[in-house]
Amino acid sequence: MQTVSRYLLTNVVICYVSGYHGRQFKVYDRRITIHRGVYNPVSFTFKNEDQKAQDVVGKTYEFSIIDNETNQSVVTRLLKITDDGSTVSTKGTATVEVTPGDLLKLDAKFYNFSVRELVTDDGSTLVTYSDTGYNAAGTLEVLDGAYPHAINSTTVSVFNHTTGPLGKTSGSVNAKPGENNNKALHTIAVYTKNFSGAFRVQATMSLSPADADYFDVTLNDSTTTHTFSSSTDVTDFNFTGVYQYVRFSWDNDTGNTGIVDKILYRH
């Protein structure tokens, strides 16, 4: 049997906030590593040139992740002060949590990060340093592969298949059966604009499906045909099953000119 150790750790970063930095010189600070697909807590300690923690109660600090290629901030969060300034052990500590959603659009690569103090009375900002060499930017690496993470939804916005079950039908959308199991979950978000009418999902296991190969899918509202009434909302459905392809079909009630604008499909 393999025995593997796992370590429950918090990223701790030192920020220097005051004084002449030279008496206890620190050449550099280590980089932060964060992982896509999970929450990443990071703890900051604020010190002076003597490596003594500084009281940060009542102050506001902003953490930013900056893309080195565009020099644009891609994640911005306010730090949460975690001490009350009453004891040495907790003095000068603040935390931030980088969420899986923050990292969805970020490539796995190196970034810069910075922490600055927001001076609330006049709207200005003050620098904090990542080391005693007056470097304001630290290094942060986004890593991929350790944890699963969400993939982008498939957008379906063209409904011009004339021989579908209803008046307007999408083309075939790959349901990737090889990536699913026998209880595979499919979710859709239906964006409508003043739409009244019928909506239906169909599926097939045929590799080269004709219209006759498709069958109606039962949605989570226990129907195969959902009826919309003057809807201008986003309506979500889910269904289960292993399919080769799915398609989406809708038709207006008499006199209605609304539309199903698009469908976001995830499985």
C-alpha atoms as a PDB file:
ATOM      1  CA  MET A   1       0.000   0.000   0.000  1.00  0.00           C
ATOM      2  CA  GLN A   2       1.302   3.414  -0.905  1.00  0.00           C
ATOM      3  CA  THR A   3       1.481   5.976   1.881  1.00  0.00           C
ATOM      4  CA  VAL A   4       1.437   9.582   0.721  1.00  0.00           C
ATOM      5  CA  SER A   5       1.850  12.679   2.877  1.00  0.00           C
ATOM      6  CA  ARG A   6      -0.261  15.799   2.252  1.00  0.00           C
ATOM      7  CA  TYR A   7       0.506  19.106   3.921  1.00  0.00           C
ATOM      8  CA  LEU A   8      -2.154  21.559   5.114  1.00  0.00           C
ATOM      9  CA  LEU A   9      -0.299  24.833   4.572  1.00  0.00           C
ATOM     10  CA  THR A  10      -1.101  28.493   4.041  1.00  0.00           C
ATOM     11  CA  ASN A  11       0.940  30.665   1.679  1.00  0.00           C
ATOM     12  CA  VAL A  12       2.596  33.305   3.880  1.00  0.00           C
ATOM     13  CA  VAL A  13       4.048  36.434   2.276  1.00  0.00           C
ATOM     14  CA  ILE A  14       5.952  39.231   4.036  1.00  0.00           C
ATOM     15  CA  CYS A  15       5.230  42.841   3.018  1.00  0.00           C
ATOM     16  CA  TYR A  16       7.454  45.698   4.213  1.00  0.00           C
ATOM     17  CA  VAL A  17       5.602  48.890   5.066  1.00  0.00           C
ATOM     18  CA  SER A  18       7.981  51.387   6.746  1.00  0.00           C
ATOM     19  CA  GLY A  19      11.511  52.399   7.618  1.00  0.00           C
ATOM     20  CA  TYR A  20      14.939  52.239   6.020  1.00  0.00           C
ATOM     21  CA  HIS A  21      15.410  48.707   4.719  1.00  0.00           C
ATOM     22  CA  GLY A  22      19.019  47.873   5.223  1.00  0.00           C
ATOM     23  CA  ARG A  23      19.809  46.721   8.745  1.00  0.00           C
ATOM     24  CA  GLN A  24      18.355  43.242   8.250  1.00  0.00           C
ATOM     25  CA  PHE A  25      18.500  42.989   4.493  1.00  0.00           C
ATOM     26  CA  LYS A  26      16.395  40.337   2.778  1.00  0.00           C
ATOM     27  CA  VAL A  27      17.423  39.840  -0.848  1.00  0.00           C
ATOM     28  CA  TYR A  28      14.193  38.372  -2.179  1.00  0.00           C
ATOM     29  CA  ASP A  29      10.893  36.817  -1.185  1.00  0.00           C
ATOM     30  CA  ARG A  30       9.711  33.460  -2.487  1.00  0.00           C
ATOM     31  CA  ARG A  31       7.057  33.284  -5.172  1.00  0.00           C
ATOM     32  CA  ILE A  32       3.450  32.344  -4.486  1.00  0.00           C
ATOM     33  CA  THR A  33       2.128  29.197  -6.174  1.00  0.00           C
ATOM     34  CA  ILE A  34      -1.630  28.818  -6.617  1.00  0.00           C
ATOM     35  CA  HIS A  35      -3.601  26.027  -8.281  1.00  0.00           C
ATOM     36  CA  ARG A  36      -6.505  26.140 -10.700  1.00  0.00           C
ATOM     37  CA  GLY A  37      -9.662  24.308  -9.622  1.00  0.00           C
ATOM     38  CA  VAL A  38      -9.476  24.997  -5.863  1.00  0.00           C
ATOM     39  CA  TYR A  39      -9.578  27.852  -3.347  1.00  0.00           C
ATOM     40  CA  ASN A  40      -6.118  29.260  -2.586  1.00  0.00           C
ATOM     41  CA  PRO A  41      -5.753  31.104   0.752  1.00  0.00           C
ATOM     42  CA  VAL A  42      -2.756  33.441   1.026  1.00  0.00           C
ATOM     43  CA  SER A  43      -1.624  35.081   4.269  1.00  0.00           C
ATOM     44  CA  PHE A  44       0.386  38.322   4.395  1.00  0.00           C
ATOM     45  CA  THR A  45       2.464  39.631   7.308  1.00  0.00           C
ATOM     46  CA  PHE A  46       3.399  43.303   7.393  1.00  0.00           C
ATOM     47  CA  LYS A  47       6.847  44.102   8.842  1.00  0.00           C
ATOM     48  CA  ASN A  48       9.373  46.910   9.112  1.00  0.00           C
ATOM     49  CA  GLU A  49      13.101  46.823   8.349  1.00  0.00           C
ATOM     50  CA  ASP A  50      13.778  45.088  11.682  1.00  0.00           C
ATOM     51  CA  GLN A  51      11.472  42.202  10.727  1.00  0.00           C
ATOM     52  CA  LYS A  52       8.977  43.313  13.396  1.00  0.00           C
ATOM     53  CA  ALA A  53       5.263  42.896  12.693  1.00  0.00           C
ATOM     54  CA  GLN A  54       3.390  46.169  12.237  1.00  0.00           C
ATOM     55  CA  ASP A  55      -0.120  47.006  13.438  1.00  0.00           C
ATOM     56  CA  VAL A  56      -2.457  47.076  10.389  1.00  0.00           C
ATOM     57  CA  VAL A  57      -5.797  47.228  12.202  1.00  0.00           C
ATOM     58  CA  GLY A  58      -8.036  49.870  10.629  1.00  0.00           C
ATOM     59  CA  LYS A  59      -6.048  49.929   7.391  1.00  0.00           C
ATOM     60  CA  THR A  60      -7.209  48.728   3.972  1.00  0.00           C
ATOM     61  CA  TYR A  61      -4.919  46.757   1.635  1.00  0.00           C
ATOM     62  CA  GLU A  62      -5.567  45.671  -1.945  1.00  0.00           C
ATOM     63  CA  PHE A  63      -4.060  42.545  -3.512  1.00  0.00           C
ATOM     64  CA  SER A  64      -3.674  42.391  -7.313  1.00  0.00           C
ATOM     65  CA  ILE A  65      -2.501  39.717  -9.744  1.00  0.00           C
ATOM     66  CA  ILE A  66      -0.970  41.356 -12.824  1.00  0.00           C
ATOM     67  CA  ASP A  67      -0.421  39.805 -16.246  1.00  0.00           C
ATOM     68  CA  ASN A  68       3.231  40.366 -17.170  1.00  0.00           C
ATOM     69  CA  GLU A  69       2.435  40.533 -20.886  1.00  0.00           C
ATOM     70  CA  THR A  70      -0.301  43.191 -20.751  1.00  0.00           C
ATOM     71  CA  ASN A  71       0.543  44.844 -17.407  1.00  0.00           C
ATOM     72  CA  GLN A  72      -3.169  44.658 -16.613  1.00  0.00           C
ATOM     73  CA  SER A  73      -4.674  43.547 -13.312  1.00  0.00           C
ATOM     74  CA  VAL A  74      -6.516  40.240 -13.807  1.00  0.00           C
ATOM     75  CA  VAL A  75      -7.575  39.618 -10.194  1.00  0.00           C
ATOM     76  CA  THR A  76      -8.144  42.275  -7.509  1.00  0.00           C
ATOM     77  CA  ARG A  77      -9.163  41.516  -3.916  1.00  0.00           C
ATOM     78  CA  LEU A  78      -9.198  43.412  -0.625  1.00  0.00           C
ATOM     79  CA  LEU A  79      -7.225  41.781   2.176  1.00  0.00           C
ATOM     80  CA  LYS A  80      -9.031  40.738   5.349  1.00  0.00           C
ATOM     81  CA  ILE A  81      -7.270  41.934   8.481  1.00  0.00           C
ATOM     82  CA  THR A  82      -7.157  38.934  10.823  1.00  0.00           C
ATOM     83  CA  ASP A  83      -5.726  40.475  13.993  1.00  0.00           C
ATOM     84  CA  ASP A  84      -6.883  43.029  16.557  1.00  0.00           C
ATOM     85  CA  GLY A  85      -3.421  44.410  17.313  1.00  0.00           C
ATOM     86  CA  SER A  86      -3.560  43.193  20.889  1.00  0.00           C
ATOM     87  CA  THR A  87      -1.003  40.381  20.789  1.00  0.00           C
ATOM     88  CA  VAL A  88       2.366  39.991  19.145  1.00  0.00           C
ATOM     89  CA  SER A  89       1.509  36.565  17.734  1.00  0.00           C
ATOM     90  CA  THR A  90      -1.271  37.872  15.509  1.00  0.00           C
ATOM     91  CA  LYS A  91      -0.053  41.416  14.875  1.00  0.00           C
ATOM     92  CA  GLY A  92       0.374  42.487  11.265  1.00  0.00           C
ATOM     93  CA  THR A  93      -1.530  39.672   9.533  1.00  0.00           C
ATOM     94  CA  ALA A  94      -4.066  39.813   6.676  1.00  0.00           C
ATOM     95  CA  THR A  95      -5.440  37.195   4.310  1.00  0.00           C
ATOM     96  CA  VAL A  96      -6.938  36.884   0.858  1.00  0.00           C
ATOM     97  CA  GLU A  97      -8.561  33.926  -0.903  1.00  0.00           C
ATOM     98  CA  VAL A  98      -8.094  33.388  -4.642  1.00  0.00           C
ATOM     99  CA  THR A  99     -11.142  31.431  -5.830  1.00  0.00           C
ATOM    100  CA  PRO A 100     -11.502  28.881  -8.651  1.00  0.00           C
ATOM    101  CA  GLY A 101     -13.630  31.459 -10.481  1.00  0.00           C
ATOM    102  CA  ASP A 102     -10.795  33.994 -10.331  1.00  0.00           C
ATOM    103  CA  LEU A 103      -8.547  31.579 -12.212  1.00  0.00           C
ATOM    104  CA  LEU A 104     -10.966  30.364 -14.894  1.00  0.00           C
ATOM    105  CA  LYS A 105      -9.715  32.806 -17.535  1.00  0.00           C
ATOM    106  CA  LEU A 106      -6.062  32.790 -16.479  1.00  0.00           C
ATOM    107  CA  ASP A 107      -3.422  30.743 -18.272  1.00  0.00           C
ATOM    108  CA  ALA A 108      -1.083  28.569 -16.248  1.00  0.00           C
ATOM    109  CA  LYS A 109       2.043  30.753 -16.189  1.00  0.00           C
ATOM    110  CA  PHE A 110       3.963  33.324 -14.134  1.00  0.00           C
ATOM    111  CA  TYR A 111       2.339  36.585 -13.022  1.00  0.00           C
ATOM    112  CA  ASN A 112       3.317  39.501 -10.818  1.00  0.00           C
ATOM    113  CA  PHE A 113       1.412  40.363  -7.674  1.00  0.00           C
ATOM    114  CA  SER A 114       1.317  43.510  -5.576  1.00  0.00           C
ATOM    115  CA  VAL A 115      -0.173  44.755  -2.322  1.00  0.00           C
ATOM    116  CA  ARG A 116      -0.907  48.431  -1.759  1.00  0.00           C
ATOM    117  CA  GLU A 117      -2.519  50.376   1.041  1.00  0.00           C
ATOM    118  CA  LEU A 118      -5.676  52.298   0.186  1.00  0.00           C
ATOM    119  CA  VAL A 119      -5.808  55.634   1.999  1.00  0.00           C
ATOM    120  CA  THR A 120      -9.547  56.046   2.389  1.00  0.00           C
ATOM    121  CA  ASP A 121      -9.656  59.713   3.320  1.00  0.00           C
ATOM    122  CA  ASP A 122      -8.216  61.034   0.068  1.00  0.00           C
ATOM    123  CA  GLY A 123      -8.384  58.024  -2.299  1.00  0.00           C
ATOM    124  CA  SER A 124      -4.612  57.744  -2.731  1.00  0.00           C
ATOM    125  CA  THR A 125      -2.534  54.584  -2.367  1.00  0.00           C
ATOM    126  CA  LEU A 126       0.706  53.706  -0.590  1.00  0.00           C
ATOM    127  CA  VAL A 127       3.253  51.149  -1.716  1.00  0.00           C
ATOM    128  CA  THR A 128       4.261  48.042   0.224  1.00  0.00           C
ATOM    129  CA  TYR A 129       7.378  46.114  -0.765  1.00  0.00           C
ATOM    130  CA  SER A 130       7.856  42.423  -1.440  1.00  0.00           C
ATOM    131  CA  ASP A 131      11.427  42.495  -0.102  1.00  0.00           C
ATOM    132  CA  THR A 132      13.920  44.850   1.479  1.00  0.00           C
ATOM    133  CA  GLY A 133      15.362  45.730  -1.921  1.00  0.00           C
ATOM    134  CA  TYR A 134      12.395  48.058  -2.609  1.00  0.00           C
ATOM    135  CA  ASN A 135      10.762  45.694  -5.105  1.00  0.00           C
ATOM    136  CA  ALA A 136       7.016  46.326  -5.065  1.00  0.00           C
ATOM    137  CA  ALA A 137       6.049  43.388  -7.287  1.00  0.00           C
ATOM    138  CA  GLY A 138       6.291  39.773  -6.215  1.00  0.00           C
ATOM    139  CA  THR A 139       6.112  36.663  -8.378  1.00  0.00           C
ATOM    140  CA  LEU A 140       3.080  34.385  -8.537  1.00  0.00           C
ATOM    141  CA  GLU A 141       2.727  31.160 -10.517  1.00  0.00           C
ATOM    142  CA  VAL A 142      -0.626  29.697 -11.557  1.00  0.00           C
ATOM    143  CA  LEU A 143      -0.331  25.913 -11.824  1.00  0.00           C
ATOM    144  CA  ASP A 144      -2.635  23.533 -13.689  1.00  0.00           C
ATOM    145  CA  GLY A 145      -3.184  19.788 -13.617  1.00  0.00           C
ATOM    146  CA  ALA A 146      -3.334  19.006  -9.899  1.00  0.00           C
ATOM    147  CA  TYR A 147      -7.115  19.451  -9.663  1.00  0.00           C
ATOM    148  CA  PRO A 148      -9.999  19.244 -12.144  1.00  0.00           C
ATOM    149  CA  HIS A 149     -11.576  22.534 -13.125  1.00  0.00           C
ATOM    150  CA  ALA A 150     -14.619  23.693 -15.043  1.00  0.00           C
ATOM    151  CA  ILE A 151     -14.554  23.898 -18.820  1.00  0.00           C
ATOM    152  CA  ASN A 152     -16.249  26.529 -20.930  1.00  0.00           C
ATOM    153  CA  SER A 153     -19.855  25.946 -21.917  1.00  0.00           C
ATOM    154  CA  THR A 154     -20.785  25.307 -25.545  1.00  0.00           C
ATOM    155  CA  THR A 155     -22.784  28.221 -26.971  1.00  0.00           C
ATOM    156  CA  VAL A 156     -25.598  27.324 -29.389  1.00  0.00           C
ATOM    157  CA  SER A 157     -27.141  30.329 -31.154  1.00  0.00           C
ATOM    158  CA  VAL A 158     -27.993  29.131 -34.674  1.00  0.00           C
ATOM    159  CA  PHE A 159     -31.355  27.412 -35.162  1.00  0.00           C
ATOM    160  CA  ASN A 160     -31.958  26.886 -38.881  1.00  0.00           C
ATOM    161  CA  HIS A 161     -32.382  23.123 -39.269  1.00  0.00           C
ATOM    162  CA  THR A 162     -35.682  22.972 -41.189  1.00  0.00           C
ATOM    163  CA  THR A 163     -36.602  19.311 -40.608  1.00  0.00           C
ATOM    164  CA  GLY A 164     -36.296  19.176 -36.836  1.00  0.00           C
ATOM    165  CA  PRO A 165     -39.161  18.298 -34.477  1.00  0.00           C
ATOM    166  CA  LEU A 166     -40.179  21.967 -34.114  1.00  0.00           C
ATOM    167  CA  GLY A 167     -39.935  25.021 -36.334  1.00  0.00           C
ATOM    168  CA  LYS A 168     -36.352  25.952 -35.443  1.00  0.00           C
ATOM    169  CA  THR A 169     -33.687  23.414 -34.534  1.00  0.00           C
ATOM    170  CA  SER A 170     -29.962  23.620 -33.901  1.00  0.00           C
ATOM    171  CA  GLY A 171     -27.345  21.467 -35.554  1.00  0.00           C
ATOM    172  CA  SER A 172     -25.853  18.423 -33.845  1.00  0.00           C
ATOM    173  CA  VAL A 173     -23.777  19.213 -30.746  1.00  0.00           C
ATOM    174  CA  ASN A 174     -21.164  16.670 -29.662  1.00  0.00           C
ATOM    175  CA  ALA A 175     -22.142  15.247 -26.245  1.00  0.00           C
ATOM    176  CA  LYS A 176     -18.756  13.469 -25.835  1.00  0.00           C
ATOM    177  CA  PRO A 177     -19.971  10.103 -24.544  1.00  0.00           C
ATOM    178  CA  GLY A 178     -16.427   8.886 -23.958  1.00  0.00           C
ATOM    179  CA  GLU A 179     -15.985  11.480 -21.211  1.00  0.00           C
ATOM    180  CA  ASN A 180     -19.202  10.577 -19.396  1.00  0.00           C
ATOM    181  CA  ASN A 181     -20.511   7.584 -17.472  1.00  0.00           C
ATOM    182  CA  ASN A 182     -23.915   5.962 -17.247  1.00  0.00           C
ATOM    183  CA  LYS A 183     -25.242   8.746 -15.025  1.00  0.00           C
ATOM    184  CA  ALA A 184     -23.793  11.591 -17.082  1.00  0.00           C
ATOM    185  CA  LEU A 185     -25.259  14.981 -16.187  1.00  0.00           C
ATOM    186  CA  HIS A 186     -25.999  17.583 -18.864  1.00  0.00           C
ATOM    187  CA  THR A 187     -26.998  21.151 -18.011  1.00  0.00           C
ATOM    188  CA  ILE A 188     -28.325  23.913 -20.243  1.00  0.00           C
ATOM    189  CA  ALA A 189     -29.175  27.581 -19.761  1.00  0.00           C
ATOM    190  CA  VAL A 190     -31.836  28.821 -22.207  1.00  0.00           C
ATOM    191  CA  TYR A 191     -31.748  32.580 -22.925  1.00  0.00           C
ATOM    192  CA  THR A 192     -35.129  33.845 -24.194  1.00  0.00           C
ATOM    193  CA  LYS A 193     -36.421  37.214 -25.398  1.00  0.00           C
ATOM    194  CA  ASN A 194     -40.198  37.656 -25.041  1.00  0.00           C
ATOM    195  CA  PHE A 195     -40.613  34.054 -26.116  1.00  0.00           C
ATOM    196  CA  SER A 196     -43.832  32.067 -25.883  1.00  0.00           C
ATOM    197  CA  GLY A 197     -43.789  28.578 -27.283  1.00  0.00           C
ATOM    198  CA  ALA A 198     -42.427  25.065 -27.045  1.00  0.00           C
ATOM    199  CA  PHE A 199     -38.883  23.920 -26.327  1.00  0.00           C
ATOM    200  CA  ARG A 200     -37.445  20.447 -26.711  1.00  0.00           C
ATOM    201  CA  VAL A 201     -34.113  18.637 -26.346  1.00  0.00           C
ATOM    202  CA  GLN A 202     -33.286  15.621 -28.502  1.00  0.00           C
ATOM    203  CA  ALA A 203     -30.393  13.152 -28.422  1.00  0.00           C
ATOM    204  CA  THR A 204     -28.919  10.266 -30.413  1.00  0.00           C
ATOM    205  CA  MET A 205     -26.179   7.658 -30.188  1.00  0.00           C
ATOM    206  CA  SER A 206     -25.674   7.546 -33.940  1.00  0.00           C
ATOM    207  CA  LEU A 207     -22.271   8.634 -35.206  1.00  0.00           C
ATOM    208  CA  SER A 208     -23.814  10.085 -38.384  1.00  0.00           C
ATOM    209  CA  PRO A 209     -27.349  10.904 -37.298  1.00  0.00           C
ATOM    210  CA  ALA A 210     -30.324  11.544 -39.544  1.00  0.00           C
ATOM    211  CA  ASP A 211     -33.491  13.186 -38.207  1.00  0.00           C
ATOM    212  CA  ALA A 212     -35.067   9.790 -37.553  1.00  0.00           C
ATOM    213  CA  ASP A 213     -32.170   8.834 -35.252  1.00  0.00           C
ATOM    214  CA  TYR A 214     -33.022  11.512 -32.685  1.00  0.00           C
ATOM    215  CA  PHE A 215     -35.365  10.951 -29.750  1.00  0.00           C
ATOM    216  CA  ASP A 216     -36.857  13.325 -27.193  1.00  0.00           C
ATOM    217  CA  VAL A 217     -35.043  13.723 -23.865  1.00  0.00           C
ATOM    218  CA  THR A 218     -36.906  14.018 -20.561  1.00  0.00           C
ATOM    219  CA  LEU A 219     -35.855  17.190 -18.743  1.00  0.00           C
ATOM    220  CA  ASN A 220     -35.639  17.652 -14.983  1.00  0.00           C
ATOM    221  CA  ASP A 221     -39.196  19.102 -14.963  1.00  0.00           C
ATOM    222  CA  SER A 222     -40.375  15.598 -16.033  1.00  0.00           C
ATOM    223  CA  THR A 223     -41.431  16.786 -19.505  1.00  0.00           C
ATOM    224  CA  THR A 224     -40.052  16.257 -22.978  1.00  0.00           C
ATOM    225  CA  THR A 225     -41.552  19.546 -24.188  1.00  0.00           C
ATOM    226  CA  HIS A 226     -41.284  22.631 -21.991  1.00  0.00           C
ATOM    227  CA  THR A 227     -43.712  25.503 -22.578  1.00  0.00           C
ATOM    228  CA  PHE A 228     -42.505  29.090 -22.221  1.00  0.00           C
ATOM    229  CA  SER A 229     -44.887  32.006 -21.684  1.00  0.00           C
ATOM    230  CA  SER A 230     -43.657  35.536 -22.543  1.00  0.00           C
ATOM    231  CA  SER A 231     -40.242  34.660 -21.155  1.00  0.00           C
ATOM    232  CA  THR A 232     -37.319  37.089 -21.125  1.00  0.00           C
ATOM    233  CA  ASP A 233     -35.186  35.213 -18.635  1.00  0.00           C
ATOM    234  CA  VAL A 234     -32.494  32.595 -18.356  1.00  0.00           C
ATOM    235  CA  THR A 235     -34.084  29.203 -17.643  1.00  0.00           C
ATOM    236  CA  ASP A 236     -31.931  26.258 -16.636  1.00  0.00           C
ATOM    237  CA  PHE A 237     -32.599  22.577 -17.233  1.00  0.00           C
ATOM    238  CA  ASN A 238     -30.640  19.403 -16.695  1.00  0.00           C
ATOM    239  CA  PHE A 239     -30.919  15.870 -17.980  1.00  0.00           C
ATOM    240  CA  THR A 240     -28.880  12.675 -17.751  1.00  0.00           C
ATOM    241  CA  GLY A 241     -27.685  10.052 -20.187  1.00  0.00           C
ATOM    242  CA  VAL A 242     -24.803   9.064 -22.424  1.00  0.00           C
ATOM    243  CA  TYR A 243     -25.357  10.411 -25.949  1.00  0.00           C
ATOM    244  CA  GLN A 244     -23.259  10.913 -29.051  1.00  0.00           C
ATOM    245  CA  TYR A 245     -25.008  14.143 -30.052  1.00  0.00           C
ATOM    246  CA  VAL A 246     -27.752  16.415 -28.752  1.00  0.00           C
ATOM    247  CA  ARG A 247     -29.751  19.156 -30.436  1.00  0.00           C
ATOM    248  CA  PHE A 248     -32.193  21.841 -29.319  1.00  0.00           C
ATOM    249  CA  SER A 249     -35.510  22.756 -30.932  1.00  0.00           C
ATOM    250  CA  TRP A 250     -38.135  25.461 -30.355  1.00  0.00           C
ATOM    251  CA  ASP A 251     -41.196  26.980 -32.004  1.00  0.00           C
ATOM    252  CA  ASN A 252     -43.330  30.062 -31.329  1.00  0.00           C
ATOM    253  CA  ASP A 253     -46.960  30.060 -30.276  1.00  0.00           C
ATOM    254  CA  THR A 254     -49.303  31.602 -32.837  1.00  0.00           C
ATOM    255  CA  GLY A 255     -48.789  35.365 -32.941  1.00  0.00           C
ATOM    256  CA  ASN A 256     -45.600  35.338 -30.847  1.00  0.00           C
ATOM    257  CA  THR A 257     -42.448  36.884 -32.357  1.00  0.00           C
ATOM    258  CA  GLY A 258     -40.050  36.234 -29.465  1.00  0.00           C
ATOM    259  CA  ILE A 259     -36.931  34.122 -29.779  1.00  0.00           C
ATOM    260  CA  VAL A 260     -34.668  31.692 -28.020  1.00  0.00           C
ATOM    261  CA  ASP A 261     -31.549  33.821 -28.291  1.00  0.00           C
ATOM    262  CA  LYS A 262     -28.942  31.253 -27.292  1.00  0.00           C
ATOM    263  CA  ILE A 263     -28.337  28.135 -25.223  1.00  0.00           C
ATOM    264  CA  LEU A 264     -25.297  27.452 -23.058  1.00  0.00           C
ATOM    265  CA  TYR A 265     -24.646  23.688 -22.868  1.00  0.00           C
ATOM    266  CA  ARG A 266     -22.329  21.961 -20.400  1.00  0.00           C
ATOM    267  CA  HIS A 267     -21.813  18.248 -19.728  1.00  0.00           C
END
